[in-house]
């Protein structure tokens, strides 16, 4: 009887150097990639630092948040009408309603409403009711509007850089938009006129400059009886025509200096970008506040 002999299997041949090298490269690349991800890429579970509340001088009303302060709208217009109630809160860096402000130009907070074509502009003065600001505005036509609020927190009293916040609201329905007027040197305001003594001179972008406006009567004589309005003889707000970013211009001469003998109001201007600004000039004569709007070119 023949016996079958089972022979043990031969051991596998050792891998050649050519087959090992690619695997070593792959393992090496994986180790390098893993190390980079661990060291260089931030982990999503890491705690995030709280946003800084350091005050800056570049708020423009295009955001409802800046410098740690937040504009919280409570009631905004939803249709056309006059004397429409508006209510909002200002929340501070700690999240609580802010109720203490520095007095700037005779009031603690200024509010403005402008339509996106800048054909409609209002300057109103809300009153603080507990922790809520309340006022009324007129909305004669449809379109996209923005409510701007400007204030200086009490801890920054004396600075020339107020916080400026803004929020949009939309009035639906048929709307008549108005093209931005060309730059001109004179604007009629009832029986008065306001002139730019520099004509339609272009203002330099990114550099401090002065904007001058002279109030004259129907005969062209300077109005020497300008009255204080909001702590000075004039108030100017400017809006970028393209973005609607707002800039508040500060008067050079305070009301304590007396009315200008030549009826000329001079303001500090510092427009950061080239383009066009729609500039609203407000002044008071015989107890009535007048408003003139200019298009100012910036280059």
C-alpha atoms as a PDB file:
ATOM      1  CA  UNK A   1       0.000   0.000   0.000  1.00  0.00           C
ATOM      2  CA  UNK A   2       1.429   3.283  -1.045  1.00  0.00           C
ATOM      3  CA  UNK A   3       1.544   6.093   1.533  1.00  0.00           C
ATOM      4  CA  UNK A   4       1.103   9.679   0.441  1.00  0.00           C
ATOM      5  CA  UNK A   5       3.548  12.118   1.898  1.00  0.00           C
ATOM      6  CA  UNK A   6       2.313  15.627   2.742  1.00  0.00           C
ATOM      7  CA  UNK A   7       5.078  18.072   2.283  1.00  0.00           C
ATOM      8  CA  UNK A   8       5.005  21.408   4.229  1.00  0.00           C
ATOM      9  CA  UNK A   9       4.285  24.469   2.088  1.00  0.00           C
ATOM     10  CA  UNK A  10       7.239  26.503   1.114  1.00  0.00           C
ATOM     11  CA  UNK A  11       7.564  29.838   2.993  1.00  0.00           C
ATOM     12  CA  UNK A  12       6.477  32.899   0.924  1.00  0.00           C
ATOM     13  CA  UNK A  13       9.177  34.676  -0.884  1.00  0.00           C
ATOM     14  CA  UNK A  14      10.254  37.956   0.789  1.00  0.00           C
ATOM     15  CA  UNK A  15       8.830  41.018  -0.974  1.00  0.00           C
ATOM     16  CA  UNK A  16      11.095  42.664  -3.389  1.00  0.00           C
ATOM     17  CA  UNK A  17      12.393  46.168  -2.778  1.00  0.00           C
ATOM     18  CA  UNK A  18      10.378  47.387  -5.759  1.00  0.00           C
ATOM     19  CA  UNK A  19       7.056  46.316  -4.156  1.00  0.00           C
ATOM     20  CA  UNK A  20       7.885  47.802  -0.701  1.00  0.00           C
ATOM     21  CA  UNK A  21       8.930  51.278  -1.813  1.00  0.00           C
ATOM     22  CA  UNK A  22       5.462  52.444  -3.016  1.00  0.00           C
ATOM     23  CA  UNK A  23       3.878  51.438   0.283  1.00  0.00           C
ATOM     24  CA  UNK A  24       6.515  53.278   2.258  1.00  0.00           C
ATOM     25  CA  UNK A  25       5.823  56.410   0.196  1.00  0.00           C
ATOM     26  CA  UNK A  26       2.070  56.144   0.788  1.00  0.00           C
ATOM     27  CA  UNK A  27       2.531  55.657   4.549  1.00  0.00           C
ATOM     28  CA  UNK A  28       4.937  58.590   4.679  1.00  0.00           C
ATOM     29  CA  UNK A  29       2.566  60.900   2.836  1.00  0.00           C
ATOM     30  CA  UNK A  30      -0.286  59.890   5.147  1.00  0.00           C
ATOM     31  CA  UNK A  31       1.802  60.663   8.226  1.00  0.00           C
ATOM     32  CA  UNK A  32       2.812  64.086   6.890  1.00  0.00           C
ATOM     33  CA  UNK A  33      -0.795  64.950   5.981  1.00  0.00           C
ATOM     34  CA  UNK A  34      -2.118  63.886   9.380  1.00  0.00           C
ATOM     35  CA  UNK A  35       0.528  65.949  11.162  1.00  0.00           C
ATOM     36  CA  UNK A  36      -0.316  69.046   9.065  1.00  0.00           C
ATOM     37  CA  UNK A  37      -4.044  68.703   9.748  1.00  0.00           C
ATOM     38  CA  UNK A  38      -3.441  68.365  13.489  1.00  0.00           C
ATOM     39  CA  UNK A  39      -1.047  71.303  13.721  1.00  0.00           C
ATOM     40  CA  UNK A  40      -2.159  73.784  11.062  1.00  0.00           C
ATOM     41  CA  UNK A  41      -5.904  73.369  10.674  1.00  0.00           C
ATOM     42  CA  UNK A  42      -8.008  74.841  13.511  1.00  0.00           C
ATOM     43  CA  UNK A  43     -10.289  72.382  15.249  1.00  0.00           C
ATOM     44  CA  UNK A  44     -14.001  73.207  15.149  1.00  0.00           C
ATOM     45  CA  UNK A  45     -14.460  72.086  18.750  1.00  0.00           C
ATOM     46  CA  UNK A  46     -11.942  74.634  20.038  1.00  0.00           C
ATOM     47  CA  UNK A  47     -13.553  77.531  21.950  1.00  0.00           C
ATOM     48  CA  UNK A  48     -13.844  80.704  19.867  1.00  0.00           C
ATOM     49  CA  UNK A  49     -12.703  84.017  21.214  1.00  0.00           C
ATOM     50  CA  UNK A  50     -15.453  86.553  21.886  1.00  0.00           C
ATOM     51  CA  UNK A  51     -15.661  89.345  19.280  1.00  0.00           C
ATOM     52  CA  UNK A  52     -13.737  92.439  20.249  1.00  0.00           C
ATOM     53  CA  UNK A  53     -15.723  95.469  21.385  1.00  0.00           C
ATOM     54  CA  UNK A  54     -12.841  97.844  20.732  1.00  0.00           C
ATOM     55  CA  UNK A  55     -14.318 101.051  19.305  1.00  0.00           C
ATOM     56  CA  UNK A  56     -13.398 101.898  15.738  1.00  0.00           C
ATOM     57  CA  UNK A  57     -14.117 104.970  13.659  1.00  0.00           C
ATOM     58  CA  UNK A  58     -15.538 103.295  10.585  1.00  0.00           C
ATOM     59  CA  UNK A  59     -19.189 102.530  11.251  1.00  0.00           C
ATOM     60  CA  UNK A  60     -21.374 103.646   8.354  1.00  0.00           C
ATOM     61  CA  UNK A  61     -24.895 102.478   9.125  1.00  0.00           C
ATOM     62  CA  UNK A  62     -24.788  99.512   6.746  1.00  0.00           C
ATOM     63  CA  UNK A  63     -24.846  96.989   9.587  1.00  0.00           C
ATOM     64  CA  UNK A  64     -27.020  96.590  12.657  1.00  0.00           C
ATOM     65  CA  UNK A  65     -23.904  95.630  14.695  1.00  0.00           C
ATOM     66  CA  UNK A  66     -20.730  97.574  15.417  1.00  0.00           C
ATOM     67  CA  UNK A  67     -18.346  98.109  18.334  1.00  0.00           C
ATOM     68  CA  UNK A  68     -20.248  95.524  20.365  1.00  0.00           C
ATOM     69  CA  UNK A  69     -23.530  97.456  20.019  1.00  0.00           C
ATOM     70  CA  UNK A  70     -26.596  96.063  18.223  1.00  0.00           C
ATOM     71  CA  UNK A  71     -29.647  97.801  16.777  1.00  0.00           C
ATOM     72  CA  UNK A  72     -32.727  95.721  17.610  1.00  0.00           C
ATOM     73  CA  UNK A  73     -35.786  96.900  15.619  1.00  0.00           C
ATOM     74  CA  UNK A  74     -39.122  96.448  17.383  1.00  0.00           C
ATOM     75  CA  UNK A  75     -41.471  98.312  15.024  1.00  0.00           C
ATOM     76  CA  UNK A  76     -40.675  99.453  11.487  1.00  0.00           C
ATOM     77  CA  UNK A  77     -42.981 100.813   8.754  1.00  0.00           C
ATOM     78  CA  UNK A  78     -44.694  98.184   6.596  1.00  0.00           C
ATOM     79  CA  UNK A  79     -46.739 100.561   4.430  1.00  0.00           C
ATOM     80  CA  UNK A  80     -46.993 104.107   3.205  1.00  0.00           C
ATOM     81  CA  UNK A  81     -48.234 106.856   5.477  1.00  0.00           C
ATOM     82  CA  UNK A  82     -47.352 109.751   7.740  1.00  0.00           C
ATOM     83  CA  UNK A  83     -46.300 109.686  11.384  1.00  0.00           C
ATOM     84  CA  UNK A  84     -45.723 105.912  11.334  1.00  0.00           C
ATOM     85  CA  UNK A  85     -44.459 104.631  14.712  1.00  0.00           C
ATOM     86  CA  UNK A  86     -40.907 103.323  14.880  1.00  0.00           C
ATOM     87  CA  UNK A  87     -39.418 101.601  17.922  1.00  0.00           C
ATOM     88  CA  UNK A  88     -36.028 100.009  18.568  1.00  0.00           C
ATOM     89  CA  UNK A  89     -33.524  99.123  21.261  1.00  0.00           C
ATOM     90  CA  UNK A  90     -29.761  99.481  21.357  1.00  0.00           C
ATOM     91  CA  UNK A  91     -28.106  96.502  23.021  1.00  0.00           C
ATOM     92  CA  UNK A  92     -24.645  96.957  24.495  1.00  0.00           C
ATOM     93  CA  UNK A  93     -21.638  94.611  24.512  1.00  0.00           C
ATOM     94  CA  UNK A  94     -23.102  92.684  27.471  1.00  0.00           C
ATOM     95  CA  UNK A  95     -26.374  92.077  25.603  1.00  0.00           C
ATOM     96  CA  UNK A  96     -28.478  94.326  27.824  1.00  0.00           C
ATOM     97  CA  UNK A  97     -30.307  97.403  26.476  1.00  0.00           C
ATOM     98  CA  UNK A  98     -28.067 100.473  26.543  1.00  0.00           C
ATOM     99  CA  UNK A  99     -29.739 103.471  28.174  1.00  0.00           C
ATOM    100  CA  UNK A 100     -26.846 105.838  28.936  1.00  0.00           C
ATOM    101  CA  UNK A 101     -25.372 107.954  26.151  1.00  0.00           C
ATOM    102  CA  UNK A 102     -23.209 111.030  25.765  1.00  0.00           C
ATOM    103  CA  UNK A 103     -24.975 114.160  24.566  1.00  0.00           C
ATOM    104  CA  UNK A 104     -23.910 114.884  20.975  1.00  0.00           C
ATOM    105  CA  UNK A 105     -25.181 118.007  19.236  1.00  0.00           C
ATOM    106  CA  UNK A 106     -27.680 118.590  22.041  1.00  0.00           C
ATOM    107  CA  UNK A 107     -29.315 115.106  21.962  1.00  0.00           C
ATOM    108  CA  UNK A 108     -28.242 111.597  23.045  1.00  0.00           C
ATOM    109  CA  UNK A 109     -29.238 109.868  19.796  1.00  0.00           C
ATOM    110  CA  UNK A 110     -29.930 110.921  16.209  1.00  0.00           C
ATOM    111  CA  UNK A 111     -32.000 108.864  13.793  1.00  0.00           C
ATOM    112  CA  UNK A 112     -32.311 109.148  10.022  1.00  0.00           C
ATOM    113  CA  UNK A 113     -34.424 107.462   7.374  1.00  0.00           C
ATOM    114  CA  UNK A 114     -33.323 107.388   3.730  1.00  0.00           C
ATOM    115  CA  UNK A 115     -34.617 105.584   0.668  1.00  0.00           C
ATOM    116  CA  UNK A 116     -32.081 103.723  -1.454  1.00  0.00           C
ATOM    117  CA  UNK A 117     -32.247 106.286  -4.308  1.00  0.00           C
ATOM    118  CA  UNK A 118     -31.622 109.012  -1.671  1.00  0.00           C
ATOM    119  CA  UNK A 119     -34.579 111.030  -2.927  1.00  0.00           C
ATOM    120  CA  UNK A 120     -36.226 110.762   0.503  1.00  0.00           C
ATOM    121  CA  UNK A 121     -34.412 111.707   3.707  1.00  0.00           C
ATOM    122  CA  UNK A 122     -35.626 112.441   7.219  1.00  0.00           C
ATOM    123  CA  UNK A 123     -33.794 113.406  10.385  1.00  0.00           C
ATOM    124  CA  UNK A 124     -35.794 112.584  13.519  1.00  0.00           C
ATOM    125  CA  UNK A 125     -35.083 112.606  17.246  1.00  0.00           C
ATOM    126  CA  UNK A 126     -36.440 109.578  19.105  1.00  0.00           C
ATOM    127  CA  UNK A 127     -37.224 109.685  22.811  1.00  0.00           C
ATOM    128  CA  UNK A 128     -36.087 107.013  25.231  1.00  0.00           C
ATOM    129  CA  UNK A 129     -39.028 105.225  26.856  1.00  0.00           C
ATOM    130  CA  UNK A 130     -37.529 102.908  29.474  1.00  0.00           C
ATOM    131  CA  UNK A 131     -35.070 100.897  27.370  1.00  0.00           C
ATOM    132  CA  UNK A 132     -36.833 101.523  24.044  1.00  0.00           C
ATOM    133  CA  UNK A 133     -36.392 104.388  21.595  1.00  0.00           C
ATOM    134  CA  UNK A 134     -39.581 105.634  19.952  1.00  0.00           C
ATOM    135  CA  UNK A 135     -40.254 108.088  17.131  1.00  0.00           C
ATOM    136  CA  UNK A 136     -42.463 108.580  14.055  1.00  0.00           C
ATOM    137  CA  UNK A 137     -41.484 108.823  10.390  1.00  0.00           C
ATOM    138  CA  UNK A 138     -43.171 109.617   7.085  1.00  0.00           C
ATOM    139  CA  UNK A 139     -43.071 107.076   4.247  1.00  0.00           C
ATOM    140  CA  UNK A 140     -44.665 108.675   1.156  1.00  0.00           C
ATOM    141  CA  UNK A 141     -43.639 106.038  -1.393  1.00  0.00           C
ATOM    142  CA  UNK A 142     -42.524 102.439  -1.721  1.00  0.00           C
ATOM    143  CA  UNK A 143     -39.014 101.076  -2.031  1.00  0.00           C
ATOM    144  CA  UNK A 144     -36.116  99.955   0.115  1.00  0.00           C
ATOM    145  CA  UNK A 145     -35.411 102.205   3.087  1.00  0.00           C
ATOM    146  CA  UNK A 146     -32.818 102.213   5.821  1.00  0.00           C
ATOM    147  CA  UNK A 147     -33.152 103.432   9.392  1.00  0.00           C
ATOM    148  CA  UNK A 148     -29.848 104.837  10.685  1.00  0.00           C
ATOM    149  CA  UNK A 149     -29.192 105.511  14.369  1.00  0.00           C
ATOM    150  CA  UNK A 150     -26.182 107.478  15.570  1.00  0.00           C
ATOM    151  CA  UNK A 151     -25.000 107.759  19.164  1.00  0.00           C
ATOM    152  CA  UNK A 152     -21.913 107.979  21.340  1.00  0.00           C
ATOM    153  CA  UNK A 153     -21.754 105.531  24.266  1.00  0.00           C
ATOM    154  CA  UNK A 154     -21.294 107.287  27.591  1.00  0.00           C
ATOM    155  CA  UNK A 155     -17.839 105.781  28.066  1.00  0.00           C
ATOM    156  CA  UNK A 156     -16.671 107.416  24.826  1.00  0.00           C
ATOM    157  CA  UNK A 157     -17.984 110.909  25.605  1.00  0.00           C
ATOM    158  CA  UNK A 158     -15.941 113.642  23.962  1.00  0.00           C
ATOM    159  CA  UNK A 159     -14.864 111.619  20.935  1.00  0.00           C
ATOM    160  CA  UNK A 160     -15.746 112.614  17.378  1.00  0.00           C
ATOM    161  CA  UNK A 161     -16.482 109.055  16.282  1.00  0.00           C
ATOM    162  CA  UNK A 162     -20.040 108.054  17.191  1.00  0.00           C
ATOM    163  CA  UNK A 163     -21.377 104.565  16.599  1.00  0.00           C
ATOM    164  CA  UNK A 164     -23.626 104.418  13.547  1.00  0.00           C
ATOM    165  CA  UNK A 165     -25.948 101.440  13.059  1.00  0.00           C
ATOM    166  CA  UNK A 166     -28.611 100.733  10.457  1.00  0.00           C
ATOM    167  CA  UNK A 167     -31.346  98.322   9.426  1.00  0.00           C
ATOM    168  CA  UNK A 168     -33.389  98.064   6.204  1.00  0.00           C
ATOM    169  CA  UNK A 169     -37.125  97.895   5.723  1.00  0.00           C
ATOM    170  CA  UNK A 170     -39.115  97.475   2.508  1.00  0.00           C
ATOM    171  CA  UNK A 171     -42.359  99.119   1.427  1.00  0.00           C
ATOM    172  CA  UNK A 172     -43.907  97.031  -1.344  1.00  0.00           C
ATOM    173  CA  UNK A 173     -45.996  98.142  -4.305  1.00  0.00           C
ATOM    174  CA  UNK A 174     -45.506 100.453  -7.256  1.00  0.00           C
ATOM    175  CA  UNK A 175     -42.617 102.812  -6.669  1.00  0.00           C
ATOM    176  CA  UNK A 176     -41.300 105.828  -8.530  1.00  0.00           C
ATOM    177  CA  UNK A 177     -37.537 106.002  -8.305  1.00  0.00           C
ATOM    178  CA  UNK A 178     -35.752 109.299  -8.839  1.00  0.00           C
ATOM    179  CA  UNK A 179     -32.321 109.586 -10.526  1.00  0.00           C
ATOM    180  CA  UNK A 180     -29.619 111.227  -8.436  1.00  0.00           C
ATOM    181  CA  UNK A 181     -29.385 114.885  -9.542  1.00  0.00           C
ATOM    182  CA  UNK A 182     -26.203 116.143 -11.167  1.00  0.00           C
ATOM    183  CA  UNK A 183     -23.788 118.194  -9.095  1.00  0.00           C
ATOM    184  CA  UNK A 184     -24.801 121.840  -8.921  1.00  0.00           C
ATOM    185  CA  UNK A 185     -23.522 124.907  -7.116  1.00  0.00           C
ATOM    186  CA  UNK A 186     -26.890 126.313  -5.948  1.00  0.00           C
ATOM    187  CA  UNK A 187     -30.030 124.728  -4.486  1.00  0.00           C
ATOM    188  CA  UNK A 188     -33.273 126.663  -3.897  1.00  0.00           C
ATOM    189  CA  UNK A 189     -35.008 126.182  -0.535  1.00  0.00           C
ATOM    190  CA  UNK A 190     -38.273 128.099  -0.607  1.00  0.00           C
ATOM    191  CA  UNK A 191     -37.419 131.803  -0.668  1.00  0.00           C
ATOM    192  CA  UNK A 192     -33.819 131.057   0.302  1.00  0.00           C
ATOM    193  CA  UNK A 193     -30.936 129.558  -1.628  1.00  0.00           C
ATOM    194  CA  UNK A 194     -27.878 127.602  -0.541  1.00  0.00           C
ATOM    195  CA  UNK A 195     -24.677 128.034  -2.542  1.00  0.00           C
ATOM    196  CA  UNK A 196     -21.451 126.070  -2.598  1.00  0.00           C
ATOM    197  CA  UNK A 197     -18.847 128.872  -2.723  1.00  0.00           C
ATOM    198  CA  UNK A 198     -16.454 126.358  -4.330  1.00  0.00           C
ATOM    199  CA  UNK A 199     -18.985 125.552  -7.041  1.00  0.00           C
ATOM    200  CA  UNK A 200     -19.048 121.910  -8.077  1.00  0.00           C
ATOM    201  CA  UNK A 201     -15.398 121.393  -7.168  1.00  0.00           C
ATOM    202  CA  UNK A 202     -14.528 117.721  -6.666  1.00  0.00           C
ATOM    203  CA  UNK A 203     -13.548 116.693  -3.138  1.00  0.00           C
ATOM    204  CA  UNK A 204     -10.474 114.507  -2.631  1.00  0.00           C
ATOM    205  CA  UNK A 205     -11.118 110.968  -1.382  1.00  0.00           C
ATOM    206  CA  UNK A 206      -9.291 109.742   1.699  1.00  0.00           C
ATOM    207  CA  UNK A 207      -8.149 113.204   2.782  1.00  0.00           C
ATOM    208  CA  UNK A 208      -9.693 115.631   5.286  1.00  0.00           C
ATOM    209  CA  UNK A 209     -11.205 118.623   3.556  1.00  0.00           C
ATOM    210  CA  UNK A 210     -13.817 121.303   4.142  1.00  0.00           C
ATOM    211  CA  UNK A 211     -17.268 121.631   2.624  1.00  0.00           C
ATOM    212  CA  UNK A 212     -18.811 125.126   2.639  1.00  0.00           C
ATOM    213  CA  UNK A 213     -22.420 126.135   2.141  1.00  0.00           C
ATOM    214  CA  UNK A 214     -23.646 129.730   2.076  1.00  0.00           C
ATOM    215  CA  UNK A 215     -27.260 130.618   2.842  1.00  0.00           C
ATOM    216  CA  UNK A 216     -28.542 133.668   0.896  1.00  0.00           C
ATOM    217  CA  UNK A 217     -31.908 135.362   0.594  1.00  0.00           C
ATOM    218  CA  UNK A 218     -34.016 135.930  -2.536  1.00  0.00           C
ATOM    219  CA  UNK A 219     -31.884 138.930  -3.464  1.00  0.00           C
ATOM    220  CA  UNK A 220     -28.623 137.025  -3.119  1.00  0.00           C
ATOM    221  CA  UNK A 221     -27.590 138.693   0.160  1.00  0.00           C
ATOM    222  CA  UNK A 222     -26.059 136.504   2.890  1.00  0.00           C
ATOM    223  CA  UNK A 223     -28.446 135.459   5.641  1.00  0.00           C
ATOM    224  CA  UNK A 224     -26.871 136.730   8.852  1.00  0.00           C
ATOM    225  CA  UNK A 225     -29.633 135.504  11.157  1.00  0.00           C
ATOM    226  CA  UNK A 226     -28.967 131.780  11.175  1.00  0.00           C
ATOM    227  CA  UNK A 227     -30.119 130.228  14.453  1.00  0.00           C
ATOM    228  CA  UNK A 228     -28.558 127.365  16.425  1.00  0.00           C
ATOM    229  CA  UNK A 229     -29.819 123.962  15.372  1.00  0.00           C
ATOM    230  CA  UNK A 230     -28.693 120.862  17.295  1.00  0.00           C
ATOM    231  CA  UNK A 231     -25.833 122.681  18.958  1.00  0.00           C
ATOM    232  CA  UNK A 232     -24.511 124.394  15.842  1.00  0.00           C
ATOM    233  CA  UNK A 233     -25.708 126.593  13.000  1.00  0.00           C
ATOM    234  CA  UNK A 234     -25.940 123.705  10.594  1.00  0.00           C
ATOM    235  CA  UNK A 235     -26.220 119.940  10.434  1.00  0.00           C
ATOM    236  CA  UNK A 236     -24.932 117.845   7.526  1.00  0.00           C
ATOM    237  CA  UNK A 237     -25.345 114.133   6.735  1.00  0.00           C
ATOM    238  CA  UNK A 238     -23.840 112.564   3.622  1.00  0.00           C
ATOM    239  CA  UNK A 239     -24.643 109.240   1.932  1.00  0.00           C
ATOM    240  CA  UNK A 240     -22.602 107.357  -0.631  1.00  0.00           C
ATOM    241  CA  UNK A 241     -24.753 107.209  -3.769  1.00  0.00           C
ATOM    242  CA  UNK A 242     -23.666 103.646  -4.602  1.00  0.00           C
ATOM    243  CA  UNK A 243     -23.771 101.960  -1.188  1.00  0.00           C
ATOM    244  CA  UNK A 244     -25.827 104.377   0.967  1.00  0.00           C
ATOM    245  CA  UNK A 245     -23.030 104.324   3.565  1.00  0.00           C
ATOM    246  CA  UNK A 246     -23.508 107.356   5.811  1.00  0.00           C
ATOM    247  CA  UNK A 247     -20.987 109.933   6.966  1.00  0.00           C
ATOM    248  CA  UNK A 248     -21.830 112.612   9.540  1.00  0.00           C
ATOM    249  CA  UNK A 249     -19.983 115.877   8.915  1.00  0.00           C
ATOM    250  CA  UNK A 250     -19.034 117.933  11.936  1.00  0.00           C
ATOM    251  CA  UNK A 251     -19.288 121.733  11.881  1.00  0.00           C
ATOM    252  CA  UNK A 252     -16.025 123.636  12.231  1.00  0.00           C
ATOM    253  CA  UNK A 253     -17.538 126.565  14.152  1.00  0.00           C
ATOM    254  CA  UNK A 254     -19.761 125.816  17.190  1.00  0.00           C
ATOM    255  CA  UNK A 255     -22.942 127.728  17.914  1.00  0.00           C
ATOM    256  CA  UNK A 256     -21.193 129.604  20.729  1.00  0.00           C
ATOM    257  CA  UNK A 257     -19.144 131.486  18.151  1.00  0.00           C
ATOM    258  CA  UNK A 258     -22.226 133.375  16.959  1.00  0.00           C
ATOM    259  CA  UNK A 259     -23.945 133.221  13.558  1.00  0.00           C
ATOM    260  CA  UNK A 260     -21.602 133.553  10.570  1.00  0.00           C
ATOM    261  CA  UNK A 261     -21.651 137.101   9.218  1.00  0.00           C
ATOM    262  CA  UNK A 262     -21.554 135.890   5.623  1.00  0.00           C
ATOM    263  CA  UNK A 263     -24.102 133.095   6.113  1.00  0.00           C
ATOM    264  CA  UNK A 264     -21.491 130.429   5.345  1.00  0.00           C
ATOM    265  CA  UNK A 265     -21.503 127.071   7.138  1.00  0.00           C
ATOM    266  CA  UNK A 266     -18.260 125.072   7.059  1.00  0.00           C
ATOM    267  CA  UNK A 267     -17.959 121.365   7.840  1.00  0.00           C
ATOM    268  CA  UNK A 268     -15.153 118.858   8.216  1.00  0.00           C
ATOM    269  CA  UNK A 269     -15.401 116.241   5.447  1.00  0.00           C
ATOM    270  CA  UNK A 270     -13.499 112.963   5.085  1.00  0.00           C
ATOM    271  CA  UNK A 271     -14.961 110.748   2.388  1.00  0.00           C
ATOM    272  CA  UNK A 272     -13.109 107.406   2.222  1.00  0.00           C
ATOM    273  CA  UNK A 273     -14.020 106.391  -1.344  1.00  0.00           C
ATOM    274  CA  UNK A 274     -14.298 107.893  -4.800  1.00  0.00           C
ATOM    275  CA  UNK A 275     -17.728 108.362  -6.337  1.00  0.00           C
ATOM    276  CA  UNK A 276     -20.618 110.648  -5.458  1.00  0.00           C
ATOM    277  CA  UNK A 277     -22.135 111.704  -2.168  1.00  0.00           C
ATOM    278  CA  UNK A 278     -25.657 112.944  -1.589  1.00  0.00           C
ATOM    279  CA  UNK A 279     -25.246 115.650   1.056  1.00  0.00           C
ATOM    280  CA  UNK A 280     -28.174 116.969   3.116  1.00  0.00           C
ATOM    281  CA  UNK A 281     -27.684 120.382   4.739  1.00  0.00           C
ATOM    282  CA  UNK A 282     -30.046 121.495   7.505  1.00  0.00           C
ATOM    283  CA  UNK A 283     -30.164 124.962   9.071  1.00  0.00           C
ATOM    284  CA  UNK A 284     -32.651 127.118  10.953  1.00  0.00           C
ATOM    285  CA  UNK A 285     -33.962 130.617  10.183  1.00  0.00           C
ATOM    286  CA  UNK A 286     -36.772 132.344  12.095  1.00  0.00           C
ATOM    287  CA  UNK A 287     -37.612 129.157  13.981  1.00  0.00           C
ATOM    288  CA  UNK A 288     -37.995 127.032  10.836  1.00  0.00           C
ATOM    289  CA  UNK A 289     -35.601 124.229   9.876  1.00  0.00           C
ATOM    290  CA  UNK A 290     -34.729 124.225   6.171  1.00  0.00           C
ATOM    291  CA  UNK A 291     -33.073 121.449   4.179  1.00  0.00           C
ATOM    292  CA  UNK A 292     -30.997 121.553   0.990  1.00  0.00           C
ATOM    293  CA  UNK A 293     -29.597 118.503  -0.829  1.00  0.00           C
ATOM    294  CA  UNK A 294     -26.426 118.544  -2.956  1.00  0.00           C
ATOM    295  CA  UNK A 295     -24.602 115.966  -5.044  1.00  0.00           C
ATOM    296  CA  UNK A 296     -20.897 116.190  -4.266  1.00  0.00           C
ATOM    297  CA  UNK A 297     -18.340 114.400  -6.459  1.00  0.00           C
ATOM    298  CA  UNK A 298     -15.411 112.644  -4.762  1.00  0.00           C
ATOM    299  CA  UNK A 299     -12.247 111.647  -6.627  1.00  0.00           C
END
